[in-house]
Amino acid sequence: MDDAARIVIVGASVAGLTTAETLRAEGFAGSITLIGDETHAPYSRPPLSKHVLTGEWTPEQADLSDPIELAALNLTLIQGARATSLDIRGHTVTVGGEAISYDTLVIATGVAARRMAGTEGLAGVYSLRTLDDVVALRKELATAKRVVVIGAGVLGSEIAAATRKRGLEVALIGRTSELRLGQVGSHLSPLIAALHRENGVDLRLGFDVTEVIGEDHVSAIVLSDGTVIPADVVVAAIGSLPATEWVSDSGLELSDGIVCDSNGLAAPDVYAIGDVARWRDDLTAASTRAEHHLKATEQAQAVARLLVTGEESPAVVPFFWSELYGTKIQAYGRFPAVVPLTTIASEPGGARFVAASVQDGQVLGVVGWNMPRDFRLARADMVAAAEKPQSTQPELVGSETGSQHA
C-alpha cells in the first residue's frame, strides 16, 4: 500500500487498535486515524465482567496500551466522537459534523447492549457493555444485597458468578430452558447450571420477566409464572445489537451486522471487523458474526496484513474462554447444535475433561472444562490437521475416547 494512503478506523476497542498496531508492524508508514466514541483510552472488554466487576482489577488494568505505546503508533486518535454517516462514493466518514476523508476505511464499531424496555429512568437497572457501565454497577453493588441477573448467555453467567464472588444474593433468570456459552451453545448447559446452583445462585430458567417493580429505584421483578423476586440491583444481559445505525443509508449490506466477504471486504475500500462484522466462511458458505475477543483480534490482523502486503490470511477459527467460580472453560472451532460432544480426555469422575464436536469423522471443535493443558493439545491437533490434506483429521486421543458427554 502507498505510504501516502489514509486509513481511517472507526472503533477504538480491541479490533480497531489491533488494526492500527498491525498496520505499523507490517511496515505501513501512511496516515492512520483511529476514532472512538468513548473518552477512555482503548480497553479490553472481557475483563470487565471477569475481573473489574469483582474488584480484582482496577478499571485502568483493562487498558490495551499505555500512552507511550499509543504515541509510538504515530496515529491521530479522536476520542469521545461518534461517526454519524458514511459516504462510500465520496470516501468520507462524518464525525462530529466534520467529513474525514479516507483511502481505506476499517469499521470496528462493535455492538451495543440491548436495554430493558420500560425501565428508562429507573435507578438500579443496568446493562454491562462499557467501562462506564461496570464502574457504575460496581459502585451500586457496594451497598446492595440482592441482585437479579437477566440473561442465559455467557455474559449473564459471568455477571452472576462475579456478583456471587462479592457475597451477594443472586438470582439468574433465563427465558430459555438452557444456558448458552459462546459458540458452544447449550452443549454444556447442565454443567453450567450445576455450577451456578453449587455456588448458591437461585437459577430460574424458562421464564420471562413480565414486570420490573419500583418507583424511583428497582425493588423487585416479576416472572411469567407470577413469582416476585426482590432486587436491589437488576442487570440485563439480554443480548446486543451491531452498531450499524450510522451506516444504515450508506449502501452497505446489513443483516445482523455488516455483510463481508471472507477477507472482511464490505464495499470497495471498506472493511468491517470484530463484533459488528459478518464474514463469509468459505468452508461452509455461511455468513457468520461472532462476538469473541480473539476473533476480533485475528480479523483485525488479517485485514491489516492484507492491506499492507496483499496476502490473505487463513480463515479465522472461533476461540472462546470463560471462567466461572474458578472453572476455566475454553472452546475452539464450531459446535453444531445437532452434533453431541464426544469426550476425548478426562479425569475420573468427569470433573475435568476435553470434548470434541465430531461430524462424519471430522473434528469441528474442541472444548475444555478445567483441563487447559489437554485442551491446548487438542487445539494444536486441529490446527495441524487443517494444514494437511482434507482427508487427514486429528486422531481422538484420551482416557475416555469415544464416550459422549452430556
Protein backbone atom coordinates (compact mmCIF):
# COMPACT_ATOMS: atom_id res chain seq x y z
CA MET A 1 0.00 0.00 0.00
CA ASP A 2 1.15 3.51 -0.84
CA ASP A 3 2.64 5.22 2.21
CA ALA A 4 0.66 8.33 1.25
CA ALA A 5 -2.57 6.41 1.80
CA ARG A 6 -5.01 7.48 4.50
CA ILE A 7 -6.54 4.70 6.62
CA VAL A 8 -9.42 5.61 8.89
CA ILE A 9 -10.53 3.16 11.60
CA VAL A 10 -13.91 3.73 13.23
CA GLY A 11 -13.99 1.96 16.59
CA ALA A 12 -11.21 2.18 19.17
CA SER A 13 -11.62 -1.06 21.08
CA VAL A 14 -9.52 -4.19 20.59
CA ALA A 15 -10.32 -4.67 16.88
CA GLY A 16 -9.64 -1.07 15.95
CA LEU A 17 -6.45 -0.72 17.97
CA THR A 18 -5.12 -4.09 16.76
CA THR A 19 -5.65 -2.96 13.17
CA ALA A 20 -3.50 0.12 13.79
CA GLU A 21 -0.82 -1.88 15.60
CA THR A 22 -0.64 -4.49 12.83
CA LEU A 23 -0.51 -1.87 10.09
CA ARG A 24 2.56 -0.37 11.71
CA ALA A 25 4.10 -3.77 12.45
CA GLU A 26 3.72 -4.71 8.76
CA GLY A 27 5.51 -1.54 7.72
CA PHE A 28 2.71 0.86 6.78
CA ALA A 29 4.02 4.44 7.14
CA GLY A 30 0.97 6.34 5.95
CA SER A 31 -1.74 8.19 7.86
CA ILE A 32 -3.88 6.34 10.43
CA THR A 33 -6.86 7.95 12.14
CA LEU A 34 -8.47 5.99 14.98
CA ILE A 35 -11.93 7.17 16.05
CA GLY A 36 -13.64 6.09 19.29
CA ASP A 37 -16.92 7.21 20.84
CA GLU A 38 -15.63 6.83 24.42
CA THR A 39 -13.31 9.20 26.23
CA HIS A 40 -11.26 6.38 27.76
CA ALA A 41 -8.07 5.03 26.28
CA PRO A 42 -8.70 1.82 24.29
CA TYR A 43 -9.50 -1.01 26.70
CA SER A 44 -10.31 -4.71 26.65
CA ARG A 45 -13.93 -5.70 27.31
CA PRO A 46 -13.66 -9.35 28.52
CA PRO A 47 -12.01 -8.36 31.84
CA LEU A 48 -14.94 -6.07 32.67
CA SER A 49 -17.21 -8.94 33.71
CA LYS A 50 -14.39 -11.32 34.66
CA HIS A 51 -12.14 -9.10 36.82
CA VAL A 52 -13.14 -5.44 37.06
CA LEU A 53 -16.68 -6.17 38.30
CA THR A 54 -15.35 -8.34 41.12
CA GLY A 55 -12.92 -5.64 42.22
CA GLU A 56 -9.87 -7.81 41.46
CA TRP A 57 -8.79 -5.31 38.80
CA THR A 58 -8.89 -1.55 38.72
CA PRO A 59 -10.51 -0.08 35.60
CA GLU A 60 -7.08 1.01 34.37
CA GLN A 61 -5.85 -2.58 34.31
CA ALA A 62 -8.20 -3.25 31.38
CA ASP A 63 -6.33 -0.73 29.20
CA LEU A 64 -4.94 -2.22 25.99
CA SER A 65 -1.93 0.10 25.82
CA ASP A 66 -0.25 2.90 27.70
CA PRO A 67 0.28 6.48 26.43
CA ILE A 68 3.84 5.72 25.29
CA GLU A 69 2.70 2.73 23.21
CA LEU A 70 -0.11 4.76 21.66
CA ALA A 71 2.25 7.60 20.80
CA ALA A 72 4.64 5.14 19.14
CA LEU A 73 1.89 4.23 16.65
CA ASN A 74 2.03 7.78 15.26
CA LEU A 75 -1.70 7.98 14.68
CA THR A 76 -4.43 10.55 15.12
CA LEU A 77 -6.69 9.44 17.98
CA ILE A 78 -10.12 11.05 18.07
CA GLN A 79 -11.93 10.24 21.34
CA GLY A 80 -15.45 10.87 22.56
CA ALA A 81 -16.67 11.30 18.98
CA ARG A 82 -19.30 9.19 17.24
CA ALA A 83 -19.34 8.57 13.50
CA THR A 84 -22.75 9.56 12.13
CA SER A 85 -22.62 8.75 8.41
CA LEU A 86 -20.57 7.15 5.64
CA ASP A 87 -20.27 8.27 2.03
CA ILE A 88 -18.80 5.33 0.13
CA ARG A 89 -18.56 7.13 -3.20
CA GLY A 90 -17.03 10.22 -1.68
CA HIS A 91 -14.73 8.21 0.60
CA THR A 92 -15.66 10.21 3.69
CA VAL A 93 -16.85 9.49 7.23
CA THR A 94 -18.73 12.18 9.12
CA VAL A 95 -17.64 12.58 12.75
CA GLY A 96 -18.94 15.42 14.89
CA GLY A 97 -20.21 17.20 11.80
CA GLU A 98 -16.81 17.01 10.08
CA ALA A 99 -16.19 14.93 6.96
CA ILE A 100 -12.98 12.88 7.30
CA SER A 101 -11.55 11.56 4.05
CA TYR A 102 -10.11 8.08 3.70
CA ASP A 103 -8.47 5.89 1.10
CA THR A 104 -9.35 2.78 3.10
CA LEU A 105 -11.92 2.55 5.87
CA VAL A 106 -11.99 -0.13 8.57
CA ILE A 107 -15.22 -0.36 10.58
CA ALA A 108 -14.82 -1.80 14.09
CA THR A 109 -17.78 -0.25 15.91
CA GLY A 110 -18.75 -3.42 17.78
CA VAL A 111 -22.16 -3.85 19.36
CA ALA A 112 -24.44 -2.03 21.77
CA ALA A 113 -26.15 -3.72 24.70
CA ARG A 114 -29.90 -4.25 24.48
CA ARG A 115 -31.72 -2.27 27.14
CA MET A 116 -34.74 -3.48 29.09
CA ALA A 117 -37.83 -1.80 27.73
CA GLY A 118 -39.87 0.17 30.24
CA THR A 119 -37.01 0.73 32.71
CA GLU A 120 -35.83 4.10 31.41
CA GLY A 121 -35.17 6.42 34.32
CA LEU A 122 -35.47 3.65 36.92
CA ALA A 123 -32.38 3.57 39.12
CA GLY A 124 -30.75 0.24 39.90
CA VAL A 125 -31.25 -1.27 36.41
CA TYR A 126 -28.05 -1.80 34.46
CA SER A 127 -26.58 -3.32 31.35
CA LEU A 128 -22.88 -4.12 31.05
CA ARG A 129 -21.02 -3.23 27.88
CA THR A 130 -18.70 -0.30 28.56
CA LEU A 131 -16.16 0.62 31.21
CA ASP A 132 -18.53 3.31 32.49
CA ASP A 133 -21.24 0.66 32.83
CA VAL A 134 -19.10 -1.58 35.01
CA VAL A 135 -17.79 1.27 37.16
CA ALA A 136 -21.34 2.48 37.88
CA LEU A 137 -22.58 -1.07 38.56
CA ARG A 138 -19.65 -1.85 40.86
CA LYS A 139 -20.39 1.27 42.89
CA GLU A 140 -24.02 0.24 43.36
CA LEU A 141 -23.11 -3.33 44.27
CA ALA A 142 -21.09 -2.00 47.20
CA THR A 143 -24.34 -1.33 49.11
CA ALA A 144 -26.61 -3.95 47.52
CA LYS A 145 -27.66 -7.30 48.99
CA ARG A 146 -29.86 -8.87 46.33
CA VAL A 147 -29.04 -8.93 42.62
CA VAL A 148 -31.14 -10.24 39.74
CA VAL A 149 -29.29 -11.04 36.50
CA ILE A 150 -31.46 -11.45 33.42
CA GLY A 151 -29.97 -13.41 30.55
CA ALA A 152 -28.99 -17.04 29.94
CA GLY A 153 -25.89 -16.37 27.84
CA VAL A 154 -22.23 -16.16 28.73
CA LEU A 155 -22.40 -12.57 29.98
CA GLY A 156 -25.30 -13.38 32.29
CA SER A 157 -23.38 -16.32 33.73
CA GLU A 158 -20.22 -14.26 34.22
CA ILE A 159 -22.10 -11.44 35.95
CA ALA A 160 -23.87 -13.93 38.22
CA ALA A 161 -20.53 -15.53 39.13
CA ALA A 162 -18.88 -12.15 39.73
CA THR A 163 -21.67 -10.89 41.99
CA ARG A 164 -21.74 -14.15 43.96
CA LYS A 165 -18.00 -13.73 44.47
CA ARG A 166 -18.82 -10.44 46.18
CA GLY A 167 -21.04 -12.36 48.61
CA LEU A 168 -24.37 -11.07 47.28
CA GLU A 169 -27.62 -12.97 46.89
CA VAL A 170 -28.03 -13.67 43.18
CA ALA A 171 -30.92 -14.88 41.04
CA LEU A 172 -30.19 -15.69 37.39
CA ILE A 173 -33.20 -15.57 35.06
CA GLY A 174 -33.32 -17.05 31.56
CA ARG A 175 -36.25 -17.08 29.18
CA THR A 176 -34.98 -20.34 27.64
CA SER A 177 -34.67 -23.64 29.47
CA GLU A 178 -30.94 -23.85 28.77
CA LEU A 179 -27.83 -21.80 29.46
CA ARG A 180 -25.68 -20.91 26.46
CA LEU A 181 -21.94 -20.35 26.41
CA GLY A 182 -20.38 -18.69 23.37
CA GLN A 183 -20.15 -20.76 20.21
CA VAL A 184 -20.56 -23.94 22.29
CA GLY A 185 -24.25 -23.07 22.56
CA SER A 186 -26.22 -25.13 25.06
CA HIS A 187 -23.99 -28.24 24.94
CA LEU A 188 -22.65 -27.50 28.44
CA SER A 189 -25.92 -26.21 29.89
CA PRO A 190 -26.37 -28.95 32.55
CA LEU A 191 -22.82 -28.45 33.82
CA ILE A 192 -23.10 -24.66 33.92
CA ALA A 193 -26.45 -24.87 35.68
CA ALA A 194 -24.95 -27.21 38.27
CA LEU A 195 -22.03 -24.79 38.80
CA HIS A 196 -24.42 -21.91 39.49
CA ARG A 197 -26.55 -23.92 41.92
CA GLU A 198 -23.50 -25.32 43.75
CA ASN A 199 -22.37 -21.73 44.29
CA GLY A 200 -25.67 -20.54 45.69
CA VAL A 201 -27.30 -18.90 42.65
CA ASP A 202 -31.11 -19.01 42.50
CA LEU A 203 -31.43 -20.27 38.92
CA ARG A 204 -34.76 -19.69 37.16
CA LEU A 205 -34.82 -20.94 33.57
CA GLY A 206 -37.71 -20.89 31.14
CA PHE A 207 -39.29 -17.68 32.46
CA ASP A 208 -39.86 -14.21 31.06
CA VAL A 209 -39.63 -11.09 33.19
CA THR A 210 -43.08 -9.54 32.89
CA GLU A 211 -42.63 -6.56 35.20
CA VAL A 212 -39.92 -4.55 36.92
CA ILE A 213 -41.24 -3.08 40.18
CA GLY A 214 -40.04 0.22 41.61
CA GLU A 215 -40.88 3.91 41.72
CA ASP A 216 -37.55 5.72 41.68
CA HIS A 217 -35.37 2.64 42.29
CA VAL A 218 -35.94 -1.00 41.38
CA SER A 219 -37.23 -3.17 44.23
CA ALA A 220 -38.29 -6.44 42.56
CA ILE A 221 -39.01 -8.24 39.30
CA VAL A 222 -42.00 -10.41 38.41
CA LEU A 223 -41.64 -13.62 36.41
CA SER A 224 -44.13 -15.03 33.91
CA ASP A 225 -45.39 -17.55 36.49
CA GLY A 226 -46.20 -14.72 38.91
CA THR A 227 -43.17 -15.19 41.14
CA VAL A 228 -41.89 -11.95 42.68
CA ILE A 229 -38.13 -11.81 43.29
CA PRO A 230 -36.83 -8.91 45.42
CA ALA A 231 -33.90 -6.99 43.93
CA ASP A 232 -31.68 -4.10 44.94
CA VAL A 233 -29.99 -4.25 41.53
CA VAL A 234 -31.10 -5.70 38.20
CA VAL A 235 -28.53 -6.39 35.49
CA ALA A 236 -29.85 -7.06 31.98
CA ALA A 237 -27.60 -9.28 29.88
CA ILE A 238 -30.20 -9.81 27.17
CA GLY A 239 -28.07 -9.62 24.07
CA SER A 240 -26.66 -6.93 21.85
CA LEU A 241 -27.19 -5.16 18.55
CA PRO A 242 -24.47 -4.48 15.97
CA ALA A 243 -23.60 -0.77 15.92
CA THR A 244 -24.63 -0.12 12.32
CA GLU A 245 -27.16 2.73 12.64
CA TRP A 246 -24.65 5.26 11.32
CA VAL A 247 -24.17 3.29 8.06
CA SER A 248 -27.84 2.43 7.52
CA ASP A 249 -28.05 4.77 4.48
CA SER A 250 -24.57 4.09 3.15
CA GLY A 251 -25.36 1.28 0.73
CA LEU A 252 -23.52 -1.36 2.78
CA GLU A 253 -25.34 -4.69 3.01
CA LEU A 254 -26.65 -5.06 6.56
CA SER A 255 -28.03 -8.27 8.04
CA ASP A 256 -27.41 -8.57 11.80
CA GLY A 257 -24.15 -6.80 11.15
CA ILE A 258 -22.17 -5.67 8.11
CA VAL A 259 -22.01 -8.39 5.47
CA CYS A 260 -18.47 -9.02 4.20
CA ASP A 261 -16.55 -11.46 2.06
CA SER A 262 -14.10 -13.93 3.64
CA ASN A 263 -11.45 -11.17 3.92
CA GLY A 264 -13.70 -8.62 5.62
CA LEU A 265 -14.37 -6.54 2.49
CA ALA A 266 -17.82 -4.96 2.70
CA ALA A 267 -17.58 -2.48 -0.21
CA PRO A 268 -14.78 -1.02 -2.33
CA ASP A 269 -12.12 0.23 0.12
CA VAL A 270 -14.37 -0.54 3.12
CA TYR A 271 -13.67 -3.40 5.55
CA ALA A 272 -15.51 -4.46 8.71
CA ILE A 273 -14.05 -6.45 11.60
CA GLY A 274 -14.96 -7.68 15.06
CA ASP A 275 -18.40 -7.92 16.63
CA VAL A 276 -20.08 -5.72 14.02
CA ALA A 277 -18.88 -7.78 11.03
CA ARG A 278 -20.50 -10.78 9.35
CA TRP A 279 -17.72 -12.54 7.44
CA ARG A 280 -18.35 -15.22 4.82
CA ASP A 281 -16.97 -18.64 5.74
CA ASP A 282 -15.63 -20.19 2.54
CA LEU A 283 -15.70 -23.67 4.09
CA THR A 284 -19.40 -23.63 4.88
CA ALA A 285 -20.56 -20.83 2.52
CA ALA A 286 -22.29 -19.35 5.56
CA SER A 287 -22.05 -15.74 6.65
CA THR A 288 -21.40 -15.57 10.39
CA ARG A 289 -20.94 -12.94 13.07
CA ALA A 290 -19.36 -13.84 16.39
CA GLU A 291 -18.74 -11.71 19.47
CA HIS A 292 -15.34 -13.02 20.52
CA HIS A 293 -12.28 -11.06 21.64
CA LEU A 294 -9.76 -13.30 19.86
CA LYS A 295 -11.77 -13.39 16.64
CA ALA A 296 -11.86 -9.59 16.60
CA THR A 297 -8.09 -9.54 17.07
CA GLU A 298 -7.44 -12.09 14.33
CA GLN A 299 -9.75 -10.35 11.86
CA ALA A 300 -8.00 -7.05 12.55
CA GLN A 301 -4.61 -8.63 11.94
CA ALA A 302 -5.84 -10.30 8.75
CA VAL A 303 -7.25 -7.08 7.27
CA ALA A 304 -4.19 -5.02 8.19
CA ARG A 305 -1.86 -7.64 6.71
CA LEU A 306 -3.92 -7.79 3.53
CA LEU A 307 -3.86 -4.01 3.14
CA VAL A 308 -0.08 -3.75 3.53
CA THR A 309 1.18 -6.95 1.90
CA GLY A 310 -1.72 -8.11 -0.27
CA GLU A 311 -1.52 -11.52 1.41
CA GLU A 312 -4.67 -13.25 2.58
CA SER A 313 -4.68 -14.90 6.00
CA PRO A 314 -6.10 -18.32 6.87
CA ALA A 315 -9.75 -18.40 7.85
CA VAL A 316 -10.33 -17.23 11.41
CA VAL A 317 -11.47 -20.10 13.64
CA PRO A 318 -13.61 -19.02 16.62
CA PHE A 319 -11.95 -19.25 20.04
CA PHE A 320 -13.65 -18.51 23.32
CA TRP A 321 -12.93 -18.79 27.03
CA SER A 322 -14.65 -18.01 30.28
CA GLU A 323 -14.13 -18.66 33.96
CA LEU A 324 -16.99 -19.38 36.34
CA TYR A 325 -16.34 -19.98 40.05
CA GLY A 326 -12.75 -21.00 39.32
CA THR A 327 -13.69 -23.37 36.48
CA LYS A 328 -11.96 -22.44 33.22
CA ILE A 329 -13.92 -23.20 30.06
CA GLN A 330 -12.21 -22.96 26.65
CA ALA A 331 -13.60 -23.62 23.18
CA TYR A 332 -12.05 -23.65 19.72
CA GLY A 333 -13.91 -24.28 16.50
CA ARG A 334 -17.57 -24.80 15.70
CA PHE A 335 -20.23 -26.72 17.61
CA PRO A 336 -23.41 -27.52 15.64
CA ALA A 337 -26.40 -27.92 17.95
CA VAL A 338 -27.29 -31.30 16.40
CA VAL A 339 -23.83 -32.81 16.99
CA PRO A 340 -23.27 -34.12 20.56
CA LEU A 341 -19.92 -33.68 22.25
CA THR A 342 -17.61 -36.69 22.48
CA THR A 343 -15.20 -36.84 25.42
CA ILE A 344 -11.60 -37.33 24.30
CA ALA A 345 -9.79 -36.81 27.61
CA SER A 346 -10.97 -36.73 31.21
CA GLU A 347 -10.13 -37.40 34.82
CA PRO A 348 -12.02 -39.91 36.96
CA GLY A 349 -15.43 -38.54 37.87
CA GLY A 350 -15.54 -36.23 34.86
CA ALA A 351 -14.81 -33.07 36.85
CA ARG A 352 -12.20 -32.11 34.25
CA PHE A 353 -12.42 -33.07 30.58
CA VAL A 354 -11.87 -32.19 26.94
CA ALA A 355 -14.62 -32.96 24.44
CA ALA A 356 -14.91 -32.66 20.68
CA SER A 357 -17.64 -31.97 18.18
CA VAL A 358 -17.17 -34.69 15.55
CA GLN A 359 -19.25 -34.94 12.38
CA ASP A 360 -18.63 -37.50 9.63
CA GLY A 361 -15.22 -38.21 11.10
CA GLN A 362 -14.21 -34.55 11.06
CA VAL A 363 -13.35 -32.67 14.26
CA LEU A 364 -15.23 -29.37 14.07
CA GLY A 365 -14.38 -28.06 17.51
CA VAL A 366 -12.90 -28.89 20.90
CA VAL A 367 -13.94 -27.66 24.33
CA GLY A 368 -12.03 -27.90 27.61
CA TRP A 369 -13.58 -27.94 31.06
CA ASN A 370 -10.91 -27.06 33.64
CA MET A 371 -8.32 -29.02 31.64
CA PRO A 372 -6.22 -26.36 29.89
CA ARG A 373 -3.19 -28.47 29.02
CA ASP A 374 -5.17 -31.22 27.28
CA PHE A 375 -7.31 -28.59 25.58
CA ARG A 376 -4.19 -26.94 24.15
CA LEU A 377 -3.04 -30.29 22.78
CA ALA A 378 -6.43 -30.99 21.19
CA ARG A 379 -6.48 -27.50 19.70
CA ALA A 380 -2.97 -27.97 18.32
CA ASP A 381 -4.11 -31.23 16.69
CA MET A 382 -6.97 -29.37 15.00
CA VAL A 383 -4.65 -26.65 13.74
CA ALA A 384 -2.15 -29.22 12.42
CA ALA A 385 -4.91 -31.18 10.69
CA ALA A 386 -6.20 -28.04 9.00
CA GLU A 387 -2.78 -27.59 7.39
CA LYS A 388 -2.83 -31.12 5.95
CA PRO A 389 -4.89 -32.55 3.06
CA GLN A 390 -8.66 -32.60 3.63
CA SER A 391 -8.69 -36.34 4.27
CA THR A 392 -6.40 -36.04 7.27
CA GLN A 393 -8.17 -35.40 10.55
CA PRO A 394 -6.89 -35.27 14.14
CA GLU A 395 -6.97 -38.59 15.96
CA LEU A 396 -9.18 -38.61 19.03
CA VAL A 397 -6.95 -39.44 21.96
CA GLY A 398 -7.54 -39.62 25.68
CA SER A 399 -8.68 -41.79 28.51
CA GLU A 400 -12.33 -41.56 27.55
CA THR A 401 -12.04 -41.63 23.76
CA GLY A 402 -15.36 -42.09 22.02
CA SER A 403 -17.68 -41.59 25.00
CA GLN A 404 -20.41 -38.99 24.73
CA HIS A 405 -20.52 -36.12 27.16
CA ALA A 406 -23.86 -34.74 28.21
